[in-house]
Every structure is written in structure tokens, then in C-alpha cells.
Amino acid sequence: MLPALFVAHGSPMMAVAENAYTEFLRSWALDHPKPSAVVIFSAHWESLIQKVSRVVRYDTIHDFGGFPAALYQIHYPAPGEPALADAILQRFQQKGLTAQPDPSRGLDHGAWVVLRLLYPDADVPVVALSVNSRLAPADAFRIGRVLEPWRAQNVLVIGSGVTVHNFGWIQPEAREPMDWAVQFDDWVDERIIAWDTPGLFLYRQNAPFADRAVPLHGREHFYPLFYAMGSADQARRGQRLFQAYQYGSLSYAVWQFG
């Protein structure tokens, strides 16, 4: 059974960067069997109704501005997997969860930057799912649990977001991480190691510097963690594989579940 992942997609510049983080993601993919498909929740696809992409071939969405021209020339033409999308939609219905197919959505940078680092040949079928940060964390976790059976069928579930994501605290000249960002990520890691989901769901009340790390207008970047964890709830096992920071507070964390 493949594990599930939470992966920080960070800046779009990760698409062309060469650093310890991009090398880690490439190495992770080489060290694990290639999945038959990837199901990915991206923080950059938000919807109040759960959406499931149902396409044959993805367009590449360049949903960012002010970056070098080279980024806008990148295309990641991953194939879709309509049969898997249909099966996921059917299981949502069986579990009493409302979900709708989306026949035209491309892959935003929260998805394709990560997938391109893991599988640069764009040869792994993808089903993308939206996130809804207005849900209670427990409800997002429940949606992730719906996907658990496919992990036993060589499907990789990924939540793509960022745990500490606050543009107001970005400091381009910073060379060391800010203590408060580290404290927040360490608190999250402790909850994951203990599989203390009730505690994690109350992150806003209990985590140090939660309002700073996950501002209300940026919750969508934190929520992919809940979806990915939910898909491994039977195993109840998680570990942080990588941690780095950029600009003092932008967190590049990878957790593996299952």
C-alpha cells in the first residue's frame, strides 16, 4: 500500500529551482513504486461543493503573476483518469457526501509544481480534487477517509498546501527560520506523531501562533493536511520527512502517512 503525503508546494519558483527540497521530492519518487494514479488536493482549487476532475488530458494553469517568463512556458500535460474519478464520485455518494465532476479544470500550480518534481514525464494519471476551508477540519478529514481504499490499489493521495503561509511575515532577506514558525510546525508534528486528530482539529485554539501561521484568509493552504491524513486513518501513522523554511516563515514540510 502506498503512503499518503502532505507536500508543501511553496513558491511557483520551485518549478525551476534546484535545492534540497526539490532534490528530496525527486528522490522520494525514485525510492517508491510509481503509482498507477495520483489523487491530489490542491490549495489553489477552492470550491464550496466538493469537485472531482474528470478529464482525459490536463491543461496547465499558470495561476500566478510577476514571475520569470520561463515559468509561463512550463506545461505539464498529465493524463486524467475518468474511470477513477467516476469511482470516487460514486463512493462519495455512498458515504452521503455531495460531490460533482468537473470536466474542464486544468492543473493549477499547487498541483503541477509538485507532480512535475515527483513525476517529470507527466506519465502518471491524475485526479484532482478541490478543497473547502470553510468546512470543519473533521469534515475535511472525513472526505480524505473516502479515498483510503485506493491506497491499497497503488494510488498515491497527496495534499498540496503549506502549513505556515502568511505573506505578511515573508522576509526575503531572512536566512534563518522565525521561531514562531518552527514552534507551529513542531506542534503540528507532535499531533501527527500521536495521531491526535481531535487536538489537531483544534489547531486554531491550541497551536502556538496559529493565527499568524494560518491566517483566516489562508486556511486553504493548511486544509490539504486534513484530507491527506484522512486517507491514512486506518494506519494512524505519520512522520515528517522534510522541513525547511524560505523567507523566514514559508514552510516547506513533507509528512508521510500510512
C-alpha atoms as a PDB file:
ATOM      1  CA  MET A   1       0.000   0.000   0.000  1.00  0.00           C
ATOM      2  CA  LEU A   2       1.330   3.406  -0.923  1.00  0.00           C
ATOM      3  CA  PRO A   3       1.560   6.058   1.777  1.00  0.00           C
ATOM      4  CA  ALA A   4      -0.258   9.369   1.523  1.00  0.00           C
ATOM      5  CA  LEU A   5       1.634  12.655   1.503  1.00  0.00           C
ATOM      6  CA  PHE A   6       1.241  16.234   2.550  1.00  0.00           C
ATOM      7  CA  VAL A   7       3.610  18.254   0.381  1.00  0.00           C
ATOM      8  CA  ALA A   8       4.338  21.960   0.601  1.00  0.00           C
ATOM      9  CA  HIS A   9       4.207  23.451  -2.888  1.00  0.00           C
ATOM     10  CA  GLY A  10       5.590  26.801  -1.728  1.00  0.00           C
ATOM     11  CA  SER A  11       6.548  29.385  -4.323  1.00  0.00           C
ATOM     12  CA  PRO A  12       5.955  28.722  -8.037  1.00  0.00           C
ATOM     13  CA  MET A  13       9.726  29.158  -8.360  1.00  0.00           C
ATOM     14  CA  MET A  14      10.059  25.613  -7.032  1.00  0.00           C
ATOM     15  CA  ALA A  15       9.209  24.549 -10.586  1.00  0.00           C
ATOM     16  CA  VAL A  16      12.648  25.681 -11.762  1.00  0.00           C
ATOM     17  CA  ALA A  17      14.634  25.664  -8.508  1.00  0.00           C
ATOM     18  CA  GLU A  18      17.469  23.316  -7.657  1.00  0.00           C
ATOM     19  CA  ASN A  19      17.745  22.952  -3.901  1.00  0.00           C
ATOM     20  CA  ALA A  20      17.499  20.433  -1.083  1.00  0.00           C
ATOM     21  CA  TYR A  21      13.708  20.432  -1.246  1.00  0.00           C
ATOM     22  CA  THR A  22      13.357  19.770  -4.955  1.00  0.00           C
ATOM     23  CA  GLU A  23      16.040  17.092  -4.696  1.00  0.00           C
ATOM     24  CA  PHE A  24      14.169  15.464  -1.822  1.00  0.00           C
ATOM     25  CA  LEU A  25      10.928  15.216  -3.789  1.00  0.00           C
ATOM     26  CA  ARG A  26      12.699  13.733  -6.796  1.00  0.00           C
ATOM     27  CA  SER A  27      14.460  11.216  -4.573  1.00  0.00           C
ATOM     28  CA  TRP A  28      11.247  10.252  -2.801  1.00  0.00           C
ATOM     29  CA  ALA A  29       9.619   9.378  -6.111  1.00  0.00           C
ATOM     30  CA  LEU A  30      12.611   7.301  -7.196  1.00  0.00           C
ATOM     31  CA  ASP A  31      12.624   5.415  -3.894  1.00  0.00           C
ATOM     32  CA  HIS A  32       8.956   4.375  -4.122  1.00  0.00           C
ATOM     33  CA  PRO A  33       6.996   2.403  -6.714  1.00  0.00           C
ATOM     34  CA  LYS A  34       5.449   4.562  -9.387  1.00  0.00           C
ATOM     35  CA  PRO A  35       1.732   4.845  -8.600  1.00  0.00           C
ATOM     36  CA  SER A  36      -0.944   3.776 -11.032  1.00  0.00           C
ATOM     37  CA  ALA A  37      -2.592   7.157 -10.409  1.00  0.00           C
ATOM     38  CA  VAL A  38      -2.356  10.215  -8.173  1.00  0.00           C
ATOM     39  CA  VAL A  39      -5.275  11.828  -6.377  1.00  0.00           C
ATOM     40  CA  ILE A  40      -4.283  15.351  -5.366  1.00  0.00           C
ATOM     41  CA  PHE A  41      -5.959  18.053  -3.289  1.00  0.00           C
ATOM     42  CA  SER A  42      -4.534  21.470  -4.166  1.00  0.00           C
ATOM     43  CA  ALA A  43      -4.931  24.572  -2.024  1.00  0.00           C
ATOM     44  CA  HIS A  44      -5.361  26.542  -5.240  1.00  0.00           C
ATOM     45  CA  TRP A  45      -8.604  24.844  -6.209  1.00  0.00           C
ATOM     46  CA  GLU A  46     -11.282  26.039  -3.820  1.00  0.00           C
ATOM     47  CA  SER A  47     -14.947  25.125  -4.014  1.00  0.00           C
ATOM     48  CA  LEU A  48     -17.812  25.071  -1.529  1.00  0.00           C
ATOM     49  CA  ILE A  49     -19.002  21.867  -3.220  1.00  0.00           C
ATOM     50  CA  GLN A  50     -16.515  19.025  -3.476  1.00  0.00           C
ATOM     51  CA  LYS A  51     -15.288  18.858  -7.065  1.00  0.00           C
ATOM     52  CA  VAL A  52     -13.585  15.910  -8.730  1.00  0.00           C
ATOM     53  CA  SER A  53     -11.774  16.486 -12.009  1.00  0.00           C
ATOM     54  CA  ARG A  54     -12.910  14.242 -14.819  1.00  0.00           C
ATOM     55  CA  VAL A  55     -10.714  14.989 -17.800  1.00  0.00           C
ATOM     56  CA  VAL A  56      -8.794  12.988 -20.368  1.00  0.00           C
ATOM     57  CA  ARG A  57      -5.749  15.300 -20.539  1.00  0.00           C
ATOM     58  CA  TYR A  58      -4.979  18.297 -18.334  1.00  0.00           C
ATOM     59  CA  ASP A  59      -4.223  21.833 -19.391  1.00  0.00           C
ATOM     60  CA  THR A  60      -1.637  23.679 -17.290  1.00  0.00           C
ATOM     61  CA  ILE A  61      -2.916  26.667 -15.312  1.00  0.00           C
ATOM     62  CA  HIS A  62      -0.369  29.415 -14.659  1.00  0.00           C
ATOM     63  CA  ASP A  63      -2.279  30.924 -11.749  1.00  0.00           C
ATOM     64  CA  PHE A  64       0.339  33.425 -10.606  1.00  0.00           C
ATOM     65  CA  GLY A  65       1.761  36.753 -11.722  1.00  0.00           C
ATOM     66  CA  GLY A  66       5.036  38.630 -11.675  1.00  0.00           C
ATOM     67  CA  PHE A  67       7.328  35.636 -12.081  1.00  0.00           C
ATOM     68  CA  PRO A  68      10.024  34.971 -14.711  1.00  0.00           C
ATOM     69  CA  ALA A  69       8.791  34.214 -18.216  1.00  0.00           C
ATOM     70  CA  ALA A  70      10.236  30.700 -18.070  1.00  0.00           C
ATOM     71  CA  LEU A  71       7.563  29.650 -15.586  1.00  0.00           C
ATOM     72  CA  TYR A  72       4.781  30.504 -18.021  1.00  0.00           C
ATOM     73  CA  GLN A  73       6.354  28.284 -20.662  1.00  0.00           C
ATOM     74  CA  ILE A  74       6.127  25.177 -18.497  1.00  0.00           C
ATOM     75  CA  HIS A  75       3.404  22.720 -19.409  1.00  0.00           C
ATOM     76  CA  TYR A  76       2.582  19.534 -17.563  1.00  0.00           C
ATOM     77  CA  PRO A  77       0.177  17.567 -19.789  1.00  0.00           C
ATOM     78  CA  ALA A  78      -0.685  14.818 -17.340  1.00  0.00           C
ATOM     79  CA  PRO A  79      -3.392  12.362 -18.342  1.00  0.00           C
ATOM     80  CA  GLY A  80      -6.603  12.219 -16.391  1.00  0.00           C
ATOM     81  CA  GLU A  81      -8.291   9.037 -15.196  1.00  0.00           C
ATOM     82  CA  PRO A  82     -12.057   9.363 -15.785  1.00  0.00           C
ATOM     83  CA  ALA A  83     -12.805   5.837 -14.556  1.00  0.00           C
ATOM     84  CA  LEU A  84     -11.135   6.554 -11.214  1.00  0.00           C
ATOM     85  CA  ALA A  85     -12.922   9.893 -10.991  1.00  0.00           C
ATOM     86  CA  ASP A  86     -16.248   8.119 -11.522  1.00  0.00           C
ATOM     87  CA  ALA A  87     -15.435   5.563  -8.834  1.00  0.00           C
ATOM     88  CA  ILE A  88     -14.511   8.316  -6.372  1.00  0.00           C
ATOM     89  CA  LEU A  89     -17.731  10.195  -7.135  1.00  0.00           C
ATOM     90  CA  GLN A  90     -19.725   7.005  -6.594  1.00  0.00           C
ATOM     91  CA  ARG A  91     -18.064   6.379  -3.238  1.00  0.00           C
ATOM     92  CA  PHE A  92     -18.727   9.946  -2.124  1.00  0.00           C
ATOM     93  CA  GLN A  93     -22.389   9.351  -2.913  1.00  0.00           C
ATOM     94  CA  GLN A  94     -22.392   6.069  -0.977  1.00  0.00           C
ATOM     95  CA  LYS A  95     -20.949   7.891   2.039  1.00  0.00           C
ATOM     96  CA  GLY A  96     -23.603  10.597   1.865  1.00  0.00           C
ATOM     97  CA  LEU A  97     -21.195  13.297   0.673  1.00  0.00           C
ATOM     98  CA  THR A  98     -22.066  15.727  -2.098  1.00  0.00           C
ATOM     99  CA  ALA A  99     -19.556  15.876  -4.939  1.00  0.00           C
ATOM    100  CA  GLN A 100     -19.624  16.948  -8.564  1.00  0.00           C
ATOM    101  CA  PRO A 101     -17.449  16.117 -11.582  1.00  0.00           C
ATOM    102  CA  ASP A 102     -15.521  18.901 -13.284  1.00  0.00           C
ATOM    103  CA  PRO A 103     -14.880  18.100 -16.964  1.00  0.00           C
ATOM    104  CA  SER A 104     -12.587  21.009 -17.812  1.00  0.00           C
ATOM    105  CA  ARG A 105     -10.430  22.071 -14.868  1.00  0.00           C
ATOM    106  CA  GLY A 106      -6.691  22.098 -15.561  1.00  0.00           C
ATOM    107  CA  LEU A 107      -3.900  21.602 -13.054  1.00  0.00           C
ATOM    108  CA  ASP A 108      -3.029  24.712 -11.030  1.00  0.00           C
ATOM    109  CA  HIS A 109       0.485  25.324  -9.749  1.00  0.00           C
ATOM    110  CA  GLY A 110      -0.346  23.770  -6.385  1.00  0.00           C
ATOM    111  CA  ALA A 111      -0.738  20.513  -8.290  1.00  0.00           C
ATOM    112  CA  TRP A 112       1.616  20.637 -11.262  1.00  0.00           C
ATOM    113  CA  VAL A 113       4.662  22.045  -9.471  1.00  0.00           C
ATOM    114  CA  VAL A 114       4.584  19.112  -7.045  1.00  0.00           C
ATOM    115  CA  LEU A 115       3.690  16.497  -9.642  1.00  0.00           C
ATOM    116  CA  ARG A 116       6.371  17.700 -12.046  1.00  0.00           C
ATOM    117  CA  LEU A 117       9.028  17.266  -9.377  1.00  0.00           C
ATOM    118  CA  LEU A 118       7.787  13.785  -8.489  1.00  0.00           C
ATOM    119  CA  TYR A 119       6.953  12.532 -11.988  1.00  0.00           C
ATOM    120  CA  PRO A 120       8.619  14.835 -14.544  1.00  0.00           C
ATOM    121  CA  ASP A 121       7.474  12.822 -17.565  1.00  0.00           C
ATOM    122  CA  ALA A 122       3.785  13.548 -16.834  1.00  0.00           C
ATOM    123  CA  ASP A 123       3.084   9.858 -17.328  1.00  0.00           C
ATOM    124  CA  VAL A 124       1.051   9.175 -14.165  1.00  0.00           C
ATOM    125  CA  PRO A 125      -2.735   9.665 -14.437  1.00  0.00           C
ATOM    126  CA  VAL A 126      -4.127  12.315 -12.120  1.00  0.00           C
ATOM    127  CA  VAL A 127      -7.466  13.027 -10.475  1.00  0.00           C
ATOM    128  CA  ALA A 128      -7.552  16.470  -8.862  1.00  0.00           C
ATOM    129  CA  LEU A 129      -9.929  17.343  -6.036  1.00  0.00           C
ATOM    130  CA  SER A 130     -10.924  20.737  -4.669  1.00  0.00           C
ATOM    131  CA  VAL A 131     -10.565  21.937  -1.085  1.00  0.00           C
ATOM    132  CA  ASN A 132     -13.065  23.773   1.088  1.00  0.00           C
ATOM    133  CA  SER A 133     -11.542  25.610   4.038  1.00  0.00           C
ATOM    134  CA  ARG A 134     -14.974  26.585   5.323  1.00  0.00           C
ATOM    135  CA  LEU A 135     -15.524  23.008   6.411  1.00  0.00           C
ATOM    136  CA  ALA A 136     -14.749  21.945   9.930  1.00  0.00           C
ATOM    137  CA  PRO A 137     -11.353  20.203   9.923  1.00  0.00           C
ATOM    138  CA  ALA A 138     -13.055  16.936  10.922  1.00  0.00           C
ATOM    139  CA  ASP A 139     -15.243  17.111   7.817  1.00  0.00           C
ATOM    140  CA  ALA A 140     -12.242  17.624   5.539  1.00  0.00           C
ATOM    141  CA  PHE A 141     -10.606  14.638   7.248  1.00  0.00           C
ATOM    142  CA  ARG A 142     -13.753  12.612   6.602  1.00  0.00           C
ATOM    143  CA  ILE A 143     -13.547  13.400   2.891  1.00  0.00           C
ATOM    144  CA  GLY A 144      -9.981  12.130   2.873  1.00  0.00           C
ATOM    145  CA  ARG A 145     -11.096   8.885   4.506  1.00  0.00           C
ATOM    146  CA  VAL A 146     -13.295   8.168   1.498  1.00  0.00           C
ATOM    147  CA  LEU A 147     -10.131   7.713  -0.560  1.00  0.00           C
ATOM    148  CA  GLU A 148      -8.439   5.220   1.748  1.00  0.00           C
ATOM    149  CA  PRO A 149      -9.357   2.057  -0.231  1.00  0.00           C
ATOM    150  CA  TRP A 150      -7.494   3.279  -3.320  1.00  0.00           C
ATOM    151  CA  ARG A 151      -4.199   3.495  -1.487  1.00  0.00           C
ATOM    152  CA  ALA A 152      -4.263  -0.319  -1.464  1.00  0.00           C
ATOM    153  CA  GLN A 153      -4.645  -0.172  -5.258  1.00  0.00           C
ATOM    154  CA  ASN A 154      -1.374   1.696  -5.832  1.00  0.00           C
ATOM    155  CA  VAL A 155      -2.968   5.151  -5.868  1.00  0.00           C
ATOM    156  CA  LEU A 156      -0.976   7.950  -4.250  1.00  0.00           C
ATOM    157  CA  VAL A 157      -3.017  10.527  -2.318  1.00  0.00           C
ATOM    158  CA  ILE A 158      -1.380  13.952  -1.979  1.00  0.00           C
ATOM    159  CA  GLY A 159      -2.448  17.055  -0.120  1.00  0.00           C
ATOM    160  CA  SER A 160      -0.611  20.041  -1.598  1.00  0.00           C
ATOM    161  CA  GLY A 161      -0.542  23.147   0.575  1.00  0.00           C
ATOM    162  CA  VAL A 162       1.654  24.985   3.083  1.00  0.00           C
ATOM    163  CA  THR A 163       1.415  24.788   6.869  1.00  0.00           C
ATOM    164  CA  VAL A 164       2.911  28.223   7.595  1.00  0.00           C
ATOM    165  CA  HIS A 165       1.729  30.585   4.858  1.00  0.00           C
ATOM    166  CA  ASN A 166       1.394  34.282   5.683  1.00  0.00           C
ATOM    167  CA  PHE A 167       2.637  36.829   3.156  1.00  0.00           C
ATOM    168  CA  GLY A 168       2.634  39.476   5.868  1.00  0.00           C
ATOM    169  CA  TRP A 169       5.524  37.658   7.543  1.00  0.00           C
ATOM    170  CA  ILE A 170       7.621  36.996   4.449  1.00  0.00           C
ATOM    171  CA  GLN A 171      11.140  38.409   4.797  1.00  0.00           C
ATOM    172  CA  PRO A 172      13.164  37.825   1.606  1.00  0.00           C
ATOM    173  CA  GLU A 173      16.442  38.643   3.339  1.00  0.00           C
ATOM    174  CA  ALA A 174      15.912  36.138   6.179  1.00  0.00           C
ATOM    175  CA  ARG A 175      18.431  33.305   6.346  1.00  0.00           C
ATOM    176  CA  GLU A 176      17.091  31.534   9.426  1.00  0.00           C
ATOM    177  CA  PRO A 177      13.513  30.453  10.200  1.00  0.00           C
ATOM    178  CA  MET A 178      11.476  32.518  12.611  1.00  0.00           C
ATOM    179  CA  ASP A 179      10.995  30.834  15.974  1.00  0.00           C
ATOM    180  CA  TRP A 180       7.223  31.146  15.894  1.00  0.00           C
ATOM    181  CA  ALA A 181       7.002  29.333  12.527  1.00  0.00           C
ATOM    182  CA  VAL A 182       9.135  26.485  13.844  1.00  0.00           C
ATOM    183  CA  GLN A 183       7.037  26.264  17.005  1.00  0.00           C
ATOM    184  CA  PHE A 184       3.846  25.985  14.991  1.00  0.00           C
ATOM    185  CA  ASP A 185       5.183  23.257  12.686  1.00  0.00           C
ATOM    186  CA  ASP A 186       6.606  21.340  15.641  1.00  0.00           C
ATOM    187  CA  TRP A 187       3.224  21.467  17.377  1.00  0.00           C
ATOM    188  CA  VAL A 188       1.570  20.089  14.237  1.00  0.00           C
ATOM    189  CA  ASP A 189       4.196  17.352  14.028  1.00  0.00           C
ATOM    190  CA  GLU A 190       3.563  16.313  17.634  1.00  0.00           C
ATOM    191  CA  ARG A 191      -0.152  15.963  16.925  1.00  0.00           C
ATOM    192  CA  ILE A 192       0.573  13.910  13.806  1.00  0.00           C
ATOM    193  CA  ILE A 193       3.035  11.570  15.536  1.00  0.00           C
ATOM    194  CA  ALA A 194       0.461  10.903  18.263  1.00  0.00           C
ATOM    195  CA  TRP A 195      -2.332  10.769  15.656  1.00  0.00           C
ATOM    196  CA  ASP A 196      -4.145  13.205  17.914  1.00  0.00           C
ATOM    197  CA  THR A 197      -6.687  14.273  15.348  1.00  0.00           C
ATOM    198  CA  PRO A 198      -9.098  15.868  17.870  1.00  0.00           C
ATOM    199  CA  GLY A 199      -6.232  18.033  19.079  1.00  0.00           C
ATOM    200  CA  LEU A 200      -5.079  18.846  15.556  1.00  0.00           C
ATOM    201  CA  PHE A 201      -8.584  19.857  14.535  1.00  0.00           C
ATOM    202  CA  LEU A 202      -8.452  22.478  17.313  1.00  0.00           C
ATOM    203  CA  TYR A 203      -5.218  23.967  15.971  1.00  0.00           C
ATOM    204  CA  ARG A 204      -6.647  27.474  15.880  1.00  0.00           C
ATOM    205  CA  GLN A 205      -7.415  27.409  19.604  1.00  0.00           C
ATOM    206  CA  ASN A 206      -4.398  25.429  20.815  1.00  0.00           C
ATOM    207  CA  ALA A 207      -1.414  25.693  18.479  1.00  0.00           C
ATOM    208  CA  PRO A 208       1.206  28.348  19.220  1.00  0.00           C
ATOM    209  CA  PHE A 209       0.989  31.280  16.800  1.00  0.00           C
ATOM    210  CA  ALA A 210      -1.841  29.636  14.852  1.00  0.00           C
ATOM    211  CA  ASP A 211      -3.386  32.955  13.827  1.00  0.00           C
ATOM    212  CA  ARG A 212      -0.044  34.020  12.397  1.00  0.00           C
ATOM    213  CA  ALA A 213       0.814  30.718  10.710  1.00  0.00           C
ATOM    214  CA  VAL A 214      -2.656  30.071   9.289  1.00  0.00           C
ATOM    215  CA  PRO A 215      -4.481  33.393   8.892  1.00  0.00           C
ATOM    216  CA  LEU A 216      -8.196  33.113   8.244  1.00  0.00           C
ATOM    217  CA  HIS A 217      -7.699  34.224   4.644  1.00  0.00           C
ATOM    218  CA  GLY A 218      -5.117  31.461   4.125  1.00  0.00           C
ATOM    219  CA  ARG A 219      -6.717  28.389   5.659  1.00  0.00           C
ATOM    220  CA  GLU A 220      -6.990  26.729   2.254  1.00  0.00           C
ATOM    221  CA  HIS A 221      -3.241  26.089   2.362  1.00  0.00           C
ATOM    222  CA  PHE A 222      -3.481  24.243   5.678  1.00  0.00           C
ATOM    223  CA  TYR A 223      -6.518  22.117   4.865  1.00  0.00           C
ATOM    224  CA  PRO A 224      -4.826  19.701   2.414  1.00  0.00           C
ATOM    225  CA  LEU A 225      -3.142  18.264   5.506  1.00  0.00           C
ATOM    226  CA  PHE A 226      -6.511  17.058   6.813  1.00  0.00           C
ATOM    227  CA  TYR A 227      -7.513  15.463   3.513  1.00  0.00           C
ATOM    228  CA  ALA A 228      -4.223  13.586   3.180  1.00  0.00           C
ATOM    229  CA  MET A 229      -4.254  12.405   6.802  1.00  0.00           C
ATOM    230  CA  GLY A 230      -7.814  11.193   6.461  1.00  0.00           C
ATOM    231  CA  SER A 231      -6.831   8.859   3.647  1.00  0.00           C
ATOM    232  CA  ALA A 232      -4.499   7.026   6.072  1.00  0.00           C
ATOM    233  CA  ASP A 233      -6.690   6.979   9.169  1.00  0.00           C
ATOM    234  CA  GLN A 234      -6.695   3.196   9.499  1.00  0.00           C
ATOM    235  CA  ALA A 235      -2.910   3.099   9.780  1.00  0.00           C
ATOM    236  CA  ARG A 236      -2.825   6.128  12.130  1.00  0.00           C
ATOM    237  CA  ARG A 237       0.844   6.645  11.478  1.00  0.00           C
ATOM    238  CA  GLY A 238       2.603   9.761  10.298  1.00  0.00           C
ATOM    239  CA  GLN A 239       6.108  11.155  10.153  1.00  0.00           C
ATOM    240  CA  ARG A 240       7.723  14.364   8.957  1.00  0.00           C
ATOM    241  CA  LEU A 241      10.188  13.553   6.194  1.00  0.00           C
ATOM    242  CA  PHE A 242      11.454  17.021   5.371  1.00  0.00           C
ATOM    243  CA  GLN A 243      11.404  20.507   6.855  1.00  0.00           C
ATOM    244  CA  ALA A 244      12.899  23.746   5.612  1.00  0.00           C
ATOM    245  CA  TYR A 245      11.922  27.408   5.523  1.00  0.00           C
ATOM    246  CA  GLN A 246      12.191  30.134   2.935  1.00  0.00           C
ATOM    247  CA  TYR A 247      11.964  33.869   3.584  1.00  0.00           C
ATOM    248  CA  GLY A 248      11.961  33.237   7.324  1.00  0.00           C
ATOM    249  CA  SER A 249       8.489  31.752   7.613  1.00  0.00           C
ATOM    250  CA  LEU A 250       7.346  29.994   4.432  1.00  0.00           C
ATOM    251  CA  SER A 251       7.291  26.350   5.462  1.00  0.00           C
ATOM    252  CA  TYR A 252       8.461  23.534   3.222  1.00  0.00           C
ATOM    253  CA  ALA A 253       7.281  20.473   5.097  1.00  0.00           C
ATOM    254  CA  VAL A 254       6.537  16.966   3.897  1.00  0.00           C
ATOM    255  CA  TRP A 255       4.612  14.491   6.018  1.00  0.00           C
ATOM    256  CA  GLN A 256       4.052  10.871   5.070  1.00  0.00           C
ATOM    257  CA  PHE A 257       1.028   8.968   6.348  1.00  0.00           C
ATOM    258  CA  GLY A 258       0.359   5.258   6.491  1.00  0.00           C
END
